[in-house]
Amino acid sequence: MGRAYEVRKSSIQKTGAAKAKLYTMYAKEIYSAAKKSSDPDSNPTLKRLIEKAKKDQIPGDIIKRAIDKVNSGVNESYEKLRYEGFGPENSTIIVDCLTDNINRAISAVRGVFSKTQCKLGASGSVAYMYDDLCVISFKGLSEDEVIEALINGEVDSEIEIKDDVVTLYGNPQDLFKIKNSILEYKSDILFDVDEITTIPKEKTTLNKENLNQFKKLIELLEDIEDVQDIYHNVEVN
């Protein structure tokens, strides 16, 4: 309890080159997921990605082309990479990449850390301070009703309620089981957040100078073609 999850919205502005990057990010991720099965009904990961893309206003033809590429026999290979590092003071950061060129990805990420006087760490040096979780957020049920729904669905989840917004945390593999438990209890529930993410166990605050340095690190990382997601432990409000 008490994770106080904040909906993580990408700071990428959906204009110009940044919009093109956002489209490319989704196209690569959807293509990679569709290689296992291009049918969303039999591929929960692909179905979730398509729903997420639509929420982020990704054009339908971007989604369709990524799936059609698989169906037409195009064979591209993308690898998922995770880099961990340290920013100013007690700040930590995790950078997830999806790339067809490992050398390009690591060179770009390492260059940004060096440019901002931050340190790229070894695998595992930061990850232990974070939890990989599924997060589901919605309105329309009381805490007692949520508990009953989860018991009926035989699934465990942390429950957090703030301003009538219910947020559930669970194991990543339980995402669909948790969602189905809620929908079976009340079929018209709409999910505001529905994702698998990485959340810091504790957050830290930075002074103005260090916060500006950290924001520059994030900004430059977001500009890297292969970077898909960035997670950190810094309070930025």
C-alpha atoms as a PDB file:
ATOM      1  CA  MET A   1       0.000   0.000   0.000  1.00  0.00           C
ATOM      2  CA  GLY A   2       0.988   3.610  -0.349  1.00  0.00           C
ATOM      3  CA  ARG A   3       2.900   3.407  -3.620  1.00  0.00           C
ATOM      4  CA  ALA A   4       1.177   6.597  -4.829  1.00  0.00           C
ATOM      5  CA  TYR A   5       1.637   5.652  -8.448  1.00  0.00           C
ATOM      6  CA  GLU A   6       1.623   8.584 -10.820  1.00  0.00           C
ATOM      7  CA  VAL A   7       0.433   7.978 -14.357  1.00  0.00           C
ATOM      8  CA  ARG A   8       3.651   8.123 -16.349  1.00  0.00           C
ATOM      9  CA  LYS A   9       3.038  10.166 -19.441  1.00  0.00           C
ATOM     10  CA  SER A  10       5.816  10.444 -21.959  1.00  0.00           C
ATOM     11  CA  SER A  11       7.303  13.914 -22.164  1.00  0.00           C
ATOM     12  CA  ILE A  12       7.742  13.407 -25.881  1.00  0.00           C
ATOM     13  CA  GLN A  13       5.770  16.166 -27.558  1.00  0.00           C
ATOM     14  CA  LYS A  14       3.617  14.828 -30.376  1.00  0.00           C
ATOM     15  CA  THR A  15       4.888  17.264 -32.965  1.00  0.00           C
ATOM     16  CA  GLY A  16       7.516  17.099 -35.686  1.00  0.00           C
ATOM     17  CA  ALA A  17      10.393  14.695 -35.240  1.00  0.00           C
ATOM     18  CA  ALA A  18       9.199  13.667 -31.767  1.00  0.00           C
ATOM     19  CA  LYS A  19       5.876  12.516 -33.196  1.00  0.00           C
ATOM     20  CA  ALA A  20       7.735  10.467 -35.802  1.00  0.00           C
ATOM     21  CA  LYS A  21       9.765   8.820 -33.045  1.00  0.00           C
ATOM     22  CA  LEU A  22       6.629   7.970 -31.097  1.00  0.00           C
ATOM     23  CA  TYR A  23       5.132   6.332 -34.198  1.00  0.00           C
ATOM     24  CA  THR A  24       8.362   4.402 -34.801  1.00  0.00           C
ATOM     25  CA  MET A  25       8.465   3.216 -31.184  1.00  0.00           C
ATOM     26  CA  TYR A  26       4.987   1.751 -31.437  1.00  0.00           C
ATOM     27  CA  ALA A  27       5.599   0.291 -34.895  1.00  0.00           C
ATOM     28  CA  LYS A  28       8.666  -1.623 -33.671  1.00  0.00           C
ATOM     29  CA  GLU A  29       6.960  -2.835 -30.513  1.00  0.00           C
ATOM     30  CA  ILE A  30       3.784  -3.943 -32.300  1.00  0.00           C
ATOM     31  CA  TYR A  31       5.810  -5.669 -35.037  1.00  0.00           C
ATOM     32  CA  SER A  32       7.882  -7.541 -32.431  1.00  0.00           C
ATOM     33  CA  ALA A  33       4.770  -8.645 -30.544  1.00  0.00           C
ATOM     34  CA  ALA A  34       2.970  -9.671 -33.746  1.00  0.00           C
ATOM     35  CA  LYS A  35       5.813 -12.039 -34.688  1.00  0.00           C
ATOM     36  CA  LYS A  36       4.494 -14.428 -32.034  1.00  0.00           C
ATOM     37  CA  SER A  37       0.966 -14.176 -33.456  1.00  0.00           C
ATOM     38  CA  SER A  38      -0.580 -11.438 -35.578  1.00  0.00           C
ATOM     39  CA  ASP A  39      -4.052 -12.182 -34.200  1.00  0.00           C
ATOM     40  CA  PRO A  40      -4.774  -9.891 -31.225  1.00  0.00           C
ATOM     41  CA  ASP A  41      -7.445 -12.284 -29.928  1.00  0.00           C
ATOM     42  CA  SER A  42      -4.834 -15.005 -29.429  1.00  0.00           C
ATOM     43  CA  ASN A  43      -1.965 -12.685 -28.495  1.00  0.00           C
ATOM     44  CA  PRO A  44      -2.743 -10.704 -25.300  1.00  0.00           C
ATOM     45  CA  THR A  45       0.501  -8.719 -25.531  1.00  0.00           C
ATOM     46  CA  LEU A  46      -0.326  -7.532 -29.045  1.00  0.00           C
ATOM     47  CA  LYS A  47      -3.884  -6.715 -28.016  1.00  0.00           C
ATOM     48  CA  ARG A  48      -2.658  -4.611 -25.092  1.00  0.00           C
ATOM     49  CA  LEU A  49      -0.178  -2.761 -27.307  1.00  0.00           C
ATOM     50  CA  ILE A  50      -2.843  -1.959 -29.893  1.00  0.00           C
ATOM     51  CA  GLU A  51      -5.172  -0.638 -27.198  1.00  0.00           C
ATOM     52  CA  LYS A  52      -2.347   1.454 -25.721  1.00  0.00           C
ATOM     53  CA  ALA A  53      -1.410   2.817 -29.148  1.00  0.00           C
ATOM     54  CA  LYS A  54      -4.980   3.890 -29.799  1.00  0.00           C
ATOM     55  CA  LYS A  55      -5.094   5.674 -26.434  1.00  0.00           C
ATOM     56  CA  ASP A  56      -1.925   7.523 -27.448  1.00  0.00           C
ATOM     57  CA  GLN A  57      -3.612   8.507 -30.733  1.00  0.00           C
ATOM     58  CA  ILE A  58      -1.316   6.475 -32.966  1.00  0.00           C
ATOM     59  CA  PRO A  59      -2.877   6.400 -36.485  1.00  0.00           C
ATOM     60  CA  GLY A  60      -4.524   3.127 -37.410  1.00  0.00           C
ATOM     61  CA  ASP A  61      -2.407   2.745 -40.543  1.00  0.00           C
ATOM     62  CA  ILE A  62       0.777   2.703 -38.409  1.00  0.00           C
ATOM     63  CA  ILE A  63      -0.635  -0.208 -36.421  1.00  0.00           C
ATOM     64  CA  LYS A  64      -1.876  -1.988 -39.553  1.00  0.00           C
ATOM     65  CA  ARG A  65       1.432  -1.651 -41.406  1.00  0.00           C
ATOM     66  CA  ALA A  66       3.368  -3.103 -38.466  1.00  0.00           C
ATOM     67  CA  ILE A  67       1.119  -6.179 -38.393  1.00  0.00           C
ATOM     68  CA  ASP A  68       1.010  -6.474 -42.202  1.00  0.00           C
ATOM     69  CA  LYS A  69       4.814  -6.504 -42.229  1.00  0.00           C
ATOM     70  CA  VAL A  70       4.739  -9.720 -40.194  1.00  0.00           C
ATOM     71  CA  ASN A  71       2.011 -11.281 -42.339  1.00  0.00           C
ATOM     72  CA  SER A  72       3.927 -10.475 -45.529  1.00  0.00           C
ATOM     73  CA  GLY A  73       6.956 -12.398 -44.309  1.00  0.00           C
ATOM     74  CA  VAL A  74       9.294  -9.486 -43.595  1.00  0.00           C
ATOM     75  CA  ASN A  75      11.839 -10.693 -41.043  1.00  0.00           C
ATOM     76  CA  GLU A  76      13.363  -8.002 -38.859  1.00  0.00           C
ATOM     77  CA  SER A  77      15.003  -8.718 -35.523  1.00  0.00           C
ATOM     78  CA  TYR A  78      14.739  -6.381 -32.546  1.00  0.00           C
ATOM     79  CA  GLU A  79      16.321  -6.995 -29.178  1.00  0.00           C
ATOM     80  CA  LYS A  80      15.169  -5.639 -25.836  1.00  0.00           C
ATOM     81  CA  LEU A  81      17.958  -4.097 -23.797  1.00  0.00           C
ATOM     82  CA  ARG A  82      17.911  -2.590 -20.317  1.00  0.00           C
ATOM     83  CA  TYR A  83      20.521  -0.110 -19.106  1.00  0.00           C
ATOM     84  CA  GLU A  84      20.847   1.111 -15.533  1.00  0.00           C
ATOM     85  CA  GLY A  85      22.553   4.259 -14.332  1.00  0.00           C
ATOM     86  CA  PHE A  86      23.062   6.964 -11.743  1.00  0.00           C
ATOM     87  CA  GLY A  87      22.253  10.635 -12.023  1.00  0.00           C
ATOM     88  CA  PRO A  88      23.131  13.471  -9.630  1.00  0.00           C
ATOM     89  CA  GLU A  89      22.830  12.904  -5.869  1.00  0.00           C
ATOM     90  CA  ASN A  90      20.699   9.835  -5.085  1.00  0.00           C
ATOM     91  CA  SER A  91      18.946   9.667  -8.454  1.00  0.00           C
ATOM     92  CA  THR A  92      18.769   6.420 -10.390  1.00  0.00           C
ATOM     93  CA  ILE A  93      17.456   5.620 -13.833  1.00  0.00           C
ATOM     94  CA  ILE A  94      16.533   2.610 -15.951  1.00  0.00           C
ATOM     95  CA  VAL A  95      16.477   2.866 -19.742  1.00  0.00           C
ATOM     96  CA  ASP A  96      14.707   0.243 -21.853  1.00  0.00           C
ATOM     97  CA  CYS A  97      15.605  -0.001 -25.529  1.00  0.00           C
ATOM     98  CA  LEU A  98      14.232  -1.958 -28.471  1.00  0.00           C
ATOM     99  CA  THR A  99      16.843  -2.048 -31.207  1.00  0.00           C
ATOM    100  CA  ASP A 100      18.084  -3.802 -34.318  1.00  0.00           C
ATOM    101  CA  ASN A 101      21.618  -2.533 -33.635  1.00  0.00           C
ATOM    102  CA  ILE A 102      22.995  -3.191 -30.144  1.00  0.00           C
ATOM    103  CA  ASN A 103      26.230  -1.287 -30.743  1.00  0.00           C
ATOM    104  CA  ARG A 104      24.320   1.808 -31.864  1.00  0.00           C
ATOM    105  CA  ALA A 105      22.041   1.675 -28.826  1.00  0.00           C
ATOM    106  CA  ILE A 106      24.735   1.286 -26.182  1.00  0.00           C
ATOM    107  CA  SER A 107      26.950   3.893 -27.832  1.00  0.00           C
ATOM    108  CA  ALA A 108      24.125   6.439 -27.850  1.00  0.00           C
ATOM    109  CA  VAL A 109      23.046   5.725 -24.255  1.00  0.00           C
ATOM    110  CA  ARG A 110      26.634   5.782 -22.954  1.00  0.00           C
ATOM    111  CA  GLY A 111      27.273   9.047 -24.788  1.00  0.00           C
ATOM    112  CA  VAL A 112      24.311  10.764 -23.107  1.00  0.00           C
ATOM    113  CA  PHE A 113      25.399   9.670 -19.624  1.00  0.00           C
ATOM    114  CA  SER A 114      28.905  10.933 -20.307  1.00  0.00           C
ATOM    115  CA  LYS A 115      27.677  14.242 -21.745  1.00  0.00           C
ATOM    116  CA  THR A 116      25.569  14.971 -18.664  1.00  0.00           C
ATOM    117  CA  GLN A 117      28.274  13.910 -16.165  1.00  0.00           C
ATOM    118  CA  CYS A 118      26.199  10.918 -15.063  1.00  0.00           C
ATOM    119  CA  LYS A 119      27.286   7.308 -14.658  1.00  0.00           C
ATOM    120  CA  LEU A 120      26.133   4.220 -16.517  1.00  0.00           C
ATOM    121  CA  GLY A 121      26.045   1.260 -14.114  1.00  0.00           C
ATOM    122  CA  ALA A 122      26.399  -2.492 -14.462  1.00  0.00           C
ATOM    123  CA  SER A 123      23.396  -4.757 -14.894  1.00  0.00           C
ATOM    124  CA  GLY A 124      21.637  -5.109 -11.541  1.00  0.00           C
ATOM    125  CA  SER A 125      23.221  -2.029  -9.989  1.00  0.00           C
ATOM    126  CA  VAL A 126      19.904  -0.155  -9.979  1.00  0.00           C
ATOM    127  CA  ALA A 127      17.170  -2.668 -10.796  1.00  0.00           C
ATOM    128  CA  TYR A 128      16.983  -4.019  -7.229  1.00  0.00           C
ATOM    129  CA  MET A 129      15.645  -0.622  -6.148  1.00  0.00           C
ATOM    130  CA  TYR A 130      12.646  -0.955  -8.477  1.00  0.00           C
ATOM    131  CA  ASP A 131       9.654  -3.267  -8.859  1.00  0.00           C
ATOM    132  CA  ASP A 132       8.338  -4.552 -12.184  1.00  0.00           C
ATOM    133  CA  LEU A 133       4.561  -4.468 -11.782  1.00  0.00           C
ATOM    134  CA  CYS A 134       1.324  -4.357 -13.682  1.00  0.00           C
ATOM    135  CA  VAL A 135      -0.756  -1.281 -12.844  1.00  0.00           C
ATOM    136  CA  ILE A 136      -4.495  -0.981 -13.458  1.00  0.00           C
ATOM    137  CA  SER A 137      -6.412   2.190 -12.612  1.00  0.00           C
ATOM    138  CA  PHE A 138     -10.144   2.917 -12.876  1.00  0.00           C
ATOM    139  CA  LYS A 139     -13.213   4.412 -11.196  1.00  0.00           C
ATOM    140  CA  GLY A 140     -16.573   2.909 -10.351  1.00  0.00           C
ATOM    141  CA  LEU A 141     -15.983   0.432  -7.511  1.00  0.00           C
ATOM    142  CA  SER A 142     -15.570   0.782  -3.746  1.00  0.00           C
ATOM    143  CA  GLU A 143     -12.687  -0.871  -1.915  1.00  0.00           C
ATOM    144  CA  ASP A 144     -14.983  -3.630  -0.620  1.00  0.00           C
ATOM    145  CA  GLU A 145     -16.246  -4.291  -4.145  1.00  0.00           C
ATOM    146  CA  VAL A 146     -12.702  -4.447  -5.511  1.00  0.00           C
ATOM    147  CA  ILE A 147     -11.695  -6.919  -2.802  1.00  0.00           C
ATOM    148  CA  GLU A 148     -14.715  -9.072  -3.611  1.00  0.00           C
ATOM    149  CA  ALA A 149     -13.912  -8.974  -7.330  1.00  0.00           C
ATOM    150  CA  LEU A 150     -10.313 -10.040  -6.721  1.00  0.00           C
ATOM    151  CA  ILE A 151     -11.378 -12.852  -4.388  1.00  0.00           C
ATOM    152  CA  ASN A 152     -13.867 -14.080  -6.993  1.00  0.00           C
ATOM    153  CA  GLY A 153     -11.119 -13.992  -9.607  1.00  0.00           C
ATOM    154  CA  GLU A 154      -8.661 -15.761  -7.289  1.00  0.00           C
ATOM    155  CA  VAL A 155      -5.954 -13.164  -7.878  1.00  0.00           C
ATOM    156  CA  ASP A 156      -3.791 -11.092  -5.514  1.00  0.00           C
ATOM    157  CA  SER A 157      -3.248  -7.360  -5.917  1.00  0.00           C
ATOM    158  CA  GLU A 158      -2.335  -4.339  -3.828  1.00  0.00           C
ATOM    159  CA  ILE A 159      -5.170  -1.805  -3.667  1.00  0.00           C
ATOM    160  CA  GLU A 160      -4.796   1.948  -3.487  1.00  0.00           C
ATOM    161  CA  ILE A 161      -7.733   4.371  -3.581  1.00  0.00           C
ATOM    162  CA  LYS A 162      -7.438   8.128  -3.905  1.00  0.00           C
ATOM    163  CA  ASP A 163     -10.194  10.554  -4.945  1.00  0.00           C
ATOM    164  CA  ASP A 164     -12.418   7.638  -6.063  1.00  0.00           C
ATOM    165  CA  VAL A 165      -9.636   6.351  -8.327  1.00  0.00           C
ATOM    166  CA  VAL A 166      -8.777   2.709  -7.687  1.00  0.00           C
ATOM    167  CA  THR A 167      -5.216   1.658  -8.525  1.00  0.00           C
ATOM    168  CA  LEU A 168      -4.229  -2.000  -8.434  1.00  0.00           C
ATOM    169  CA  TYR A 169      -0.664  -3.344  -8.399  1.00  0.00           C
ATOM    170  CA  GLY A 170       0.206  -6.933  -9.196  1.00  0.00           C
ATOM    171  CA  ASN A 171       2.674  -9.301 -10.776  1.00  0.00           C
ATOM    172  CA  PRO A 172       3.164  -8.499 -14.483  1.00  0.00           C
ATOM    173  CA  GLN A 173       1.890 -11.939 -15.499  1.00  0.00           C
ATOM    174  CA  ASP A 174      -1.373 -11.277 -13.643  1.00  0.00           C
ATOM    175  CA  LEU A 175      -2.354  -8.195 -15.683  1.00  0.00           C
ATOM    176  CA  PHE A 176      -5.124  -9.842 -17.678  1.00  0.00           C
ATOM    177  CA  LYS A 177      -6.322 -11.934 -14.759  1.00  0.00           C
ATOM    178  CA  ILE A 178      -6.772  -8.803 -12.642  1.00  0.00           C
ATOM    179  CA  LYS A 179      -8.541  -6.956 -15.460  1.00  0.00           C
ATOM    180  CA  ASN A 180     -10.863  -9.876 -16.132  1.00  0.00           C
ATOM    181  CA  SER A 181     -11.720 -10.135 -12.426  1.00  0.00           C
ATOM    182  CA  ILE A 182     -12.809  -6.497 -12.407  1.00  0.00           C
ATOM    183  CA  LEU A 183     -14.726  -6.761 -15.687  1.00  0.00           C
ATOM    184  CA  GLU A 184     -16.518  -9.921 -14.569  1.00  0.00           C
ATOM    185  CA  TYR A 185     -17.650  -8.029 -11.476  1.00  0.00           C
ATOM    186  CA  LYS A 186     -18.695  -4.924 -13.421  1.00  0.00           C
ATOM    187  CA  SER A 187     -18.546  -5.158 -17.201  1.00  0.00           C
ATOM    188  CA  ASP A 188     -18.705  -1.436 -17.999  1.00  0.00           C
ATOM    189  CA  ILE A 189     -15.508  -0.484 -16.145  1.00  0.00           C
ATOM    190  CA  LEU A 190     -13.133   1.617 -18.252  1.00  0.00           C
ATOM    191  CA  PHE A 191      -9.431   1.393 -17.439  1.00  0.00           C
ATOM    192  CA  ASP A 192      -7.570   4.706 -17.321  1.00  0.00           C
ATOM    193  CA  VAL A 193      -4.248   2.947 -16.786  1.00  0.00           C
ATOM    194  CA  ASP A 194      -3.513  -0.558 -18.014  1.00  0.00           C
ATOM    195  CA  GLU A 195       0.188  -1.282 -18.283  1.00  0.00           C
ATOM    196  CA  ILE A 196       3.235  -3.210 -17.190  1.00  0.00           C
ATOM    197  CA  THR A 197       5.750  -0.782 -15.794  1.00  0.00           C
ATOM    198  CA  THR A 198       8.736  -0.306 -13.509  1.00  0.00           C
ATOM    199  CA  ILE A 199       8.265   1.664 -10.293  1.00  0.00           C
ATOM    200  CA  PRO A 200      10.936   2.844  -7.821  1.00  0.00           C
ATOM    201  CA  LYS A 201      10.585   1.526  -4.293  1.00  0.00           C
ATOM    202  CA  GLU A 202      11.528   4.965  -2.980  1.00  0.00           C
ATOM    203  CA  LYS A 203      11.704   8.411  -4.572  1.00  0.00           C
ATOM    204  CA  THR A 204      14.191  11.222  -4.097  1.00  0.00           C
ATOM    205  CA  THR A 205      14.173  14.988  -4.489  1.00  0.00           C
ATOM    206  CA  LEU A 206      16.953  17.056  -6.078  1.00  0.00           C
ATOM    207  CA  ASN A 207      18.007  20.649  -5.651  1.00  0.00           C
ATOM    208  CA  LYS A 208      17.396  22.994  -8.577  1.00  0.00           C
ATOM    209  CA  GLU A 209      20.832  22.613 -10.156  1.00  0.00           C
ATOM    210  CA  ASN A 210      20.853  18.829  -9.960  1.00  0.00           C
ATOM    211  CA  LEU A 211      17.249  18.616 -11.092  1.00  0.00           C
ATOM    212  CA  ASN A 212      18.103  20.610 -14.221  1.00  0.00           C
ATOM    213  CA  GLN A 213      21.024  18.272 -14.865  1.00  0.00           C
ATOM    214  CA  PHE A 214      18.736  15.263 -14.439  1.00  0.00           C
ATOM    215  CA  LYS A 215      16.079  16.710 -16.752  1.00  0.00           C
ATOM    216  CA  LYS A 216      18.763  17.225 -19.408  1.00  0.00           C
ATOM    217  CA  LEU A 217      19.736  13.550 -19.040  1.00  0.00           C
ATOM    218  CA  ILE A 218      16.102  12.509 -19.600  1.00  0.00           C
ATOM    219  CA  GLU A 219      15.665  14.875 -22.532  1.00  0.00           C
ATOM    220  CA  LEU A 220      18.731  13.560 -24.360  1.00  0.00           C
ATOM    221  CA  LEU A 221      17.818   9.929 -23.688  1.00  0.00           C
ATOM    222  CA  GLU A 222      14.334  10.492 -25.116  1.00  0.00           C
ATOM    223  CA  ASP A 223      15.934  11.757 -28.319  1.00  0.00           C
ATOM    224  CA  ILE A 224      17.686   8.408 -28.890  1.00  0.00           C
ATOM    225  CA  GLU A 225      16.026   6.378 -31.629  1.00  0.00           C
ATOM    226  CA  ASP A 226      16.232   3.048 -29.801  1.00  0.00           C
ATOM    227  CA  VAL A 227      14.972   4.207 -26.390  1.00  0.00           C
ATOM    228  CA  GLN A 228      11.468   2.931 -25.640  1.00  0.00           C
ATOM    229  CA  ASP A 229      10.899   3.638 -21.938  1.00  0.00           C
ATOM    230  CA  ILE A 230      12.642   5.526 -19.159  1.00  0.00           C
ATOM    231  CA  TYR A 231      12.046   4.955 -15.445  1.00  0.00           C
ATOM    232  CA  HIS A 232      13.569   6.915 -12.573  1.00  0.00           C
ATOM    233  CA  ASN A 233      13.177   7.710  -8.880  1.00  0.00           C
ATOM    234  CA  VAL A 234      13.160  11.526  -9.043  1.00  0.00           C
ATOM    235  CA  GLU A 235      10.303  13.734  -7.919  1.00  0.00           C
ATOM    236  CA  VAL A 236       9.958  16.146 -10.833  1.00  0.00           C
ATOM    237  CA  ASN A 237       6.907  18.212  -9.787  1.00  0.00           C
END
